[in-house]
Amino acid sequence: MDEARARRVLEAAGISPGAELLALGENAVFAAGDTVVKVGRSAELLGRAEREIAVGVWLAEAGVPAVRPARSAAELVDGHPVTRWHRLPDPVRPAGPADLAGLLRLVHALPAPDFALPARELLGGVERWLRLAGDAIDPADAAYLRERRDGFAAASAALVPRLPPGPVHGDALPRNVQVGPDGAVLVDLETFSADLREHDLVVMALSRDRYGLAPEAYASFTEAYGWDVREWEGCAVLRGARETASCAWVAQHAPSNPRAREEFSRRVRSLRENRPEVRWHPF
């Protein structure tokens, strides 16, 4: 879905044609006055959009600082799910690891909501992303990632958690936190799941090891949360699963983006050579 298509959906939904495009990725995200509007890629994502609204309402009732729905239901407009959210105040500073950790502590203290949350399907998109990559990547690399996916899926299912399982954010990174005048607020709620709480913590451990997060920044995260997931024997399994998914995610962009092909090659080569110290670049 490109911007022009997303704007046609906005018009059909009665949104001002002058809405500001904030992001164009899995969703097209627009600011329209005091509302933020998210347009999903396809009708099959309507259920996820409805669940994201339910999560927003649930977090509001639980008192967790998070983005709030402006309407209580998702809409299907011209084959695209549309959700509306209250626009947050402009950030006063970038969010840091400690801000994220404080919000995760609140989320991880919550019992399950009265609606169903799915398991964290960390590896669920691998096949789709590799198919989208097509012959832009080496078939042997695709086969290698499929084998890794299957191995880590089985290993993940056998893990014994250190923390009680329950609701998790699912994409726990500082980019999904906004710090406004009243403090840190959690955003992008569509990956909320019910699974091992360790899923949310491994993300930052991988940021330290693969993406160049400074050790002192990671230390601020573990101090604010109260535990370092790297002390858990299952950390390597969840890390391996996330690395596999992250590598395959980049592959889908390879047909049209030379930078993606280069980054995919770097990532898959480091996995093949078992070189966990190789730096990956955000994409």
Protein backbone atom coordinates (compact mmCIF):
# COMPACT_ATOMS: atom_id res chain seq x y z
CA MET A 1 0.00 0.00 0.00
CA ASP A 2 1.46 3.33 -1.04
CA GLU A 3 0.66 6.80 0.29
CA ALA A 4 -1.76 7.61 -2.52
CA ARG A 5 -3.85 4.52 -1.81
CA ALA A 6 -3.81 5.23 1.93
CA ARG A 7 -5.00 8.79 1.32
CA ARG A 8 -7.90 7.51 -0.78
CA VAL A 9 -8.90 5.32 2.16
CA LEU A 10 -8.69 8.34 4.47
CA GLU A 11 -10.96 10.31 2.16
CA ALA A 12 -13.48 7.45 2.09
CA ALA A 13 -13.36 7.41 5.91
CA GLY A 14 -14.17 11.13 6.05
CA ILE A 15 -10.71 12.25 7.13
CA SER A 16 -9.34 15.64 6.03
CA PRO A 17 -7.27 15.36 2.83
CA GLY A 18 -4.62 17.51 4.51
CA ALA A 19 -3.69 14.83 7.07
CA GLU A 20 0.05 14.62 7.77
CA LEU A 21 1.76 11.32 6.96
CA LEU A 22 3.72 10.19 10.03
CA ALA A 23 4.82 6.71 8.94
CA LEU A 24 4.40 4.32 6.04
CA GLY A 25 5.18 0.70 6.82
CA GLU A 26 3.03 -2.13 8.09
CA ASN A 27 0.41 0.62 8.49
CA ALA A 28 0.06 4.07 7.01
CA VAL A 29 -0.16 6.46 9.97
CA PHE A 30 -1.56 9.97 9.63
CA ALA A 31 -2.10 12.90 11.99
CA ALA A 32 -5.41 14.73 11.50
CA GLY A 33 -5.95 17.44 14.09
CA ASP A 34 -6.04 15.87 17.53
CA THR A 35 -6.43 12.34 16.07
CA VAL A 36 -3.96 9.81 14.71
CA VAL A 37 -5.39 7.48 12.05
CA LYS A 38 -3.86 4.11 11.17
CA VAL A 39 -4.68 2.45 7.85
CA GLY A 40 -3.84 -1.25 7.61
CA ARG A 41 -2.56 -2.99 4.49
CA SER A 42 -5.47 -5.38 3.90
CA ALA A 43 -8.84 -6.59 5.14
CA GLU A 44 -7.26 -9.70 6.67
CA LEU A 45 -5.71 -7.43 9.31
CA LEU A 46 -9.09 -6.23 10.59
CA GLY A 47 -9.03 -8.68 13.49
CA ARG A 48 -5.63 -7.43 14.59
CA ALA A 49 -6.87 -3.84 14.40
CA GLU A 50 -9.91 -4.68 16.52
CA ARG A 51 -7.67 -6.39 19.08
CA GLU A 52 -5.39 -3.35 19.19
CA ILE A 53 -8.39 -1.18 20.07
CA ALA A 54 -9.38 -3.65 22.80
CA VAL A 55 -5.83 -3.56 24.19
CA GLY A 56 -5.92 0.23 24.28
CA VAL A 57 -9.18 0.22 26.24
CA TRP A 58 -7.88 -2.47 28.62
CA LEU A 59 -4.64 -0.58 29.34
CA ALA A 60 -6.62 2.60 30.01
CA GLU A 61 -8.80 0.75 32.52
CA ALA A 62 -5.67 -0.71 34.15
CA GLY A 63 -4.05 2.72 34.44
CA VAL A 64 -1.06 1.87 32.22
CA PRO A 65 0.20 4.96 30.33
CA ALA A 66 -0.50 4.08 26.70
CA VAL A 67 -2.01 5.59 23.60
CA ARG A 68 -5.82 5.71 23.86
CA PRO A 69 -8.37 4.81 21.16
CA ALA A 70 -10.45 7.73 19.90
CA ARG A 71 -13.15 5.31 18.73
CA SER A 72 -14.15 2.03 20.34
CA ALA A 73 -14.11 -0.04 17.15
CA ALA A 74 -12.05 -0.51 14.01
CA GLU A 75 -13.63 0.25 10.63
CA LEU A 76 -13.20 -1.55 7.32
CA VAL A 77 -12.93 1.13 4.63
CA ASP A 78 -12.41 0.13 0.98
CA GLY A 79 -10.84 -3.13 2.10
CA HIS A 80 -8.52 -1.58 4.69
CA PRO A 81 -8.85 -1.58 8.51
CA VAL A 82 -8.89 1.94 9.93
CA THR A 83 -8.39 2.81 13.60
CA ARG A 84 -8.44 6.22 15.29
CA TRP A 85 -6.37 7.24 18.31
CA HIS A 86 -6.03 10.29 20.50
CA ARG A 87 -2.96 12.21 19.42
CA LEU A 88 -0.27 12.43 22.08
CA PRO A 89 1.47 15.70 22.98
CA ASP A 90 4.76 16.31 21.23
CA PRO A 91 7.62 14.45 22.92
CA VAL A 92 9.81 16.41 25.29
CA ARG A 93 12.81 14.12 24.70
CA PRO A 94 13.66 10.81 23.04
CA ALA A 95 12.60 7.71 24.92
CA GLY A 96 15.37 5.66 26.49
CA PRO A 97 15.73 2.04 27.63
CA ALA A 98 14.82 2.91 31.22
CA ASP A 99 11.55 4.51 30.08
CA LEU A 100 10.66 1.30 28.25
CA ALA A 101 11.60 -0.85 31.23
CA GLY A 102 9.29 1.07 33.55
CA LEU A 103 6.34 0.56 31.22
CA LEU A 104 7.14 -3.14 30.77
CA ARG A 105 7.11 -3.60 34.53
CA LEU A 106 3.54 -2.26 34.58
CA VAL A 107 2.43 -4.44 31.65
CA HIS A 108 4.08 -7.55 33.07
CA ALA A 109 2.29 -7.06 36.38
CA LEU A 110 -1.12 -7.26 34.68
CA PRO A 111 -3.31 -10.37 34.68
CA ALA A 112 -4.76 -11.55 31.39
CA PRO A 113 -7.55 -9.35 29.97
CA ASP A 114 -11.10 -10.64 29.49
CA PHE A 115 -10.50 -11.06 25.76
CA ALA A 116 -8.14 -13.45 24.02
CA LEU A 117 -4.59 -12.44 23.22
CA PRO A 118 -2.70 -14.60 20.73
CA ALA A 119 0.63 -16.26 21.40
CA ARG A 120 3.65 -14.27 20.28
CA GLU A 121 4.12 -15.55 16.73
CA LEU A 122 7.71 -14.42 16.47
CA LEU A 123 8.49 -16.79 13.60
CA GLY A 124 5.06 -16.71 11.97
CA GLY A 125 6.02 -14.27 9.21
CA VAL A 126 9.20 -16.01 8.08
CA GLU A 127 7.63 -17.99 5.26
CA ARG A 128 5.73 -14.98 3.88
CA TRP A 129 8.82 -12.76 3.97
CA LEU A 130 10.96 -15.35 2.22
CA ARG A 131 8.33 -15.86 -0.47
CA LEU A 132 8.20 -12.10 -1.03
CA ALA A 133 11.98 -12.11 -1.40
CA GLY A 134 11.70 -14.60 -4.27
CA ASP A 135 14.83 -15.06 -6.34
CA ALA A 136 16.36 -11.82 -5.03
CA ILE A 137 18.03 -13.99 -2.39
CA ASP A 138 19.97 -17.23 -2.69
CA PRO A 139 17.60 -20.24 -2.40
CA ALA A 140 20.16 -21.86 -0.13
CA ASP A 141 19.88 -18.92 2.29
CA ALA A 142 16.09 -19.21 2.27
CA ALA A 143 16.34 -22.94 2.99
CA TYR A 144 18.80 -22.23 5.80
CA LEU A 145 16.43 -19.75 7.44
CA ARG A 146 13.50 -22.15 7.15
CA GLU A 147 15.58 -24.81 8.90
CA ARG A 148 16.54 -22.35 11.63
CA ARG A 149 12.90 -21.33 12.01
CA ASP A 150 11.78 -24.90 12.54
CA GLY A 151 14.57 -25.61 15.01
CA PHE A 152 13.98 -22.52 17.11
CA ALA A 153 10.19 -22.99 17.03
CA ALA A 154 10.61 -26.42 18.58
CA ALA A 155 13.20 -25.20 21.09
CA SER A 156 11.04 -22.21 22.09
CA ALA A 157 8.06 -24.46 22.78
CA ALA A 158 10.16 -26.43 25.28
CA LEU A 159 11.43 -23.43 27.29
CA VAL A 160 10.89 -23.18 31.04
CA PRO A 161 10.35 -19.47 31.81
CA ARG A 162 11.80 -17.62 34.76
CA LEU A 163 8.90 -15.11 34.84
CA PRO A 164 5.19 -15.93 35.02
CA PRO A 165 3.77 -15.94 31.44
CA GLY A 166 1.13 -13.36 30.58
CA PRO A 167 0.55 -10.22 28.52
CA VAL A 168 3.55 -8.85 26.63
CA HIS A 169 3.97 -5.88 24.30
CA GLY A 170 5.63 -8.01 21.64
CA ASP A 171 7.85 -5.32 20.08
CA ALA A 172 9.44 -3.81 23.15
CA LEU A 173 11.78 -1.11 21.86
CA PRO A 174 12.22 2.54 22.88
CA ARG A 175 10.85 3.57 19.47
CA ASN A 176 7.47 2.32 20.74
CA VAL A 177 7.57 4.70 23.71
CA GLN A 178 6.87 8.42 23.61
CA VAL A 179 7.91 10.69 26.47
CA GLY A 180 5.55 13.64 26.84
CA PRO A 181 5.02 16.28 29.50
CA ASP A 182 3.44 13.70 31.83
CA GLY A 183 6.03 10.97 31.30
CA ALA A 184 6.52 7.86 29.19
CA VAL A 185 3.62 6.41 27.19
CA LEU A 186 3.47 3.07 25.37
CA VAL A 187 2.46 3.17 21.69
CA ASP A 188 1.98 0.66 18.83
CA LEU A 189 -0.14 -1.91 20.63
CA GLU A 190 -0.83 -4.26 17.71
CA THR A 191 1.77 -6.87 18.72
CA PHE A 192 0.34 -7.39 22.23
CA SER A 193 0.33 -11.12 22.99
CA ALA A 194 0.05 -13.62 25.81
CA ASP A 195 3.30 -15.51 26.09
CA LEU A 196 6.62 -15.65 27.92
CA ARG A 197 7.41 -12.26 29.45
CA GLU A 198 11.01 -12.92 28.46
CA HIS A 199 10.05 -12.14 24.85
CA ASP A 200 9.88 -8.45 25.76
CA LEU A 201 13.28 -8.49 27.45
CA VAL A 202 15.25 -10.38 24.81
CA VAL A 203 14.56 -7.55 22.35
CA MET A 204 16.79 -5.16 24.26
CA ALA A 205 19.45 -7.80 24.87
CA LEU A 206 19.62 -8.29 21.12
CA SER A 207 19.77 -4.51 20.63
CA ARG A 208 22.90 -4.51 22.80
CA ASP A 209 24.53 -7.44 21.05
CA ARG A 210 23.57 -6.82 17.41
CA TYR A 211 22.50 -3.21 16.92
CA GLY A 212 25.06 -1.27 18.90
CA LEU A 213 23.09 -0.29 22.01
CA ALA A 214 25.67 0.96 24.47
CA PRO A 215 26.33 -1.34 27.45
CA GLU A 216 25.49 1.48 29.88
CA ALA A 217 22.15 2.04 28.12
CA TYR A 218 21.36 -1.66 28.41
CA ALA A 219 22.38 -1.53 32.08
CA SER A 220 19.85 1.27 32.63
CA PHE A 221 17.19 -1.01 31.15
CA THR A 222 17.97 -4.00 33.37
CA GLU A 223 18.29 -1.79 36.45
CA ALA A 224 14.90 -0.17 35.82
CA TYR A 225 13.24 -3.52 35.09
CA GLY A 226 14.96 -5.34 37.93
CA TRP A 227 16.40 -8.33 36.07
CA ASP A 228 18.73 -9.15 33.17
CA VAL A 229 17.18 -11.78 30.87
CA ARG A 230 20.69 -12.86 29.83
CA GLU A 231 20.92 -14.63 33.19
CA TRP A 232 18.19 -17.02 32.00
CA GLU A 233 19.26 -20.21 30.25
CA GLY A 234 16.50 -19.80 27.64
CA CYS A 235 17.74 -16.40 26.46
CA ALA A 236 19.84 -17.84 23.63
CA VAL A 237 16.81 -19.67 22.23
CA LEU A 238 14.57 -16.60 22.09
CA ARG A 239 17.46 -14.54 20.78
CA GLY A 240 18.05 -17.07 18.00
CA ALA A 241 14.38 -17.06 17.09
CA ARG A 242 14.27 -13.27 16.92
CA GLU A 243 17.46 -13.13 14.85
CA THR A 244 15.95 -15.61 12.40
CA ALA A 245 12.77 -13.56 12.08
CA SER A 246 14.69 -10.27 11.76
CA CYS A 247 16.86 -11.68 8.99
CA ALA A 248 13.85 -12.97 7.05
CA TRP A 249 12.01 -9.66 7.55
CA VAL A 250 14.77 -7.79 5.71
CA ALA A 251 14.67 -10.34 2.88
CA GLN A 252 11.19 -9.24 1.79
CA HIS A 253 12.61 -5.85 0.76
CA ALA A 254 15.46 -7.33 -1.26
CA PRO A 255 13.70 -7.38 -4.68
CA SER A 256 13.45 -3.59 -4.85
CA ASN A 257 16.10 -2.30 -2.46
CA PRO A 258 19.86 -2.86 -2.87
CA ARG A 259 20.46 -1.80 0.75
CA ALA A 260 18.13 -4.55 1.89
CA ARG A 261 20.00 -7.13 -0.17
CA GLU A 262 23.27 -5.99 1.37
CA GLU A 263 21.88 -6.05 4.91
CA PHE A 264 20.28 -9.45 4.36
CA SER A 265 23.61 -10.86 3.17
CA ARG A 266 25.37 -9.46 6.23
CA ARG A 267 22.82 -10.94 8.59
CA VAL A 268 22.51 -14.39 7.07
CA ARG A 269 26.28 -14.73 6.71
CA SER A 270 26.81 -13.88 10.38
CA LEU A 271 24.24 -16.52 11.34
CA ARG A 272 25.80 -19.15 9.11
CA GLU A 273 29.26 -18.40 10.50
CA ASN A 274 27.99 -18.27 14.10
CA ARG A 275 29.40 -14.79 14.63
CA PRO A 276 27.13 -13.14 17.24
CA GLU A 277 29.42 -10.11 17.44
CA VAL A 278 28.71 -8.94 13.87
CA ARG A 279 26.87 -5.62 13.92
CA TRP A 280 23.48 -5.50 12.18
CA HIS A 281 22.09 -2.22 10.90
CA PRO A 282 18.49 -1.17 11.59
CA PHE A 283 16.36 -1.31 8.46
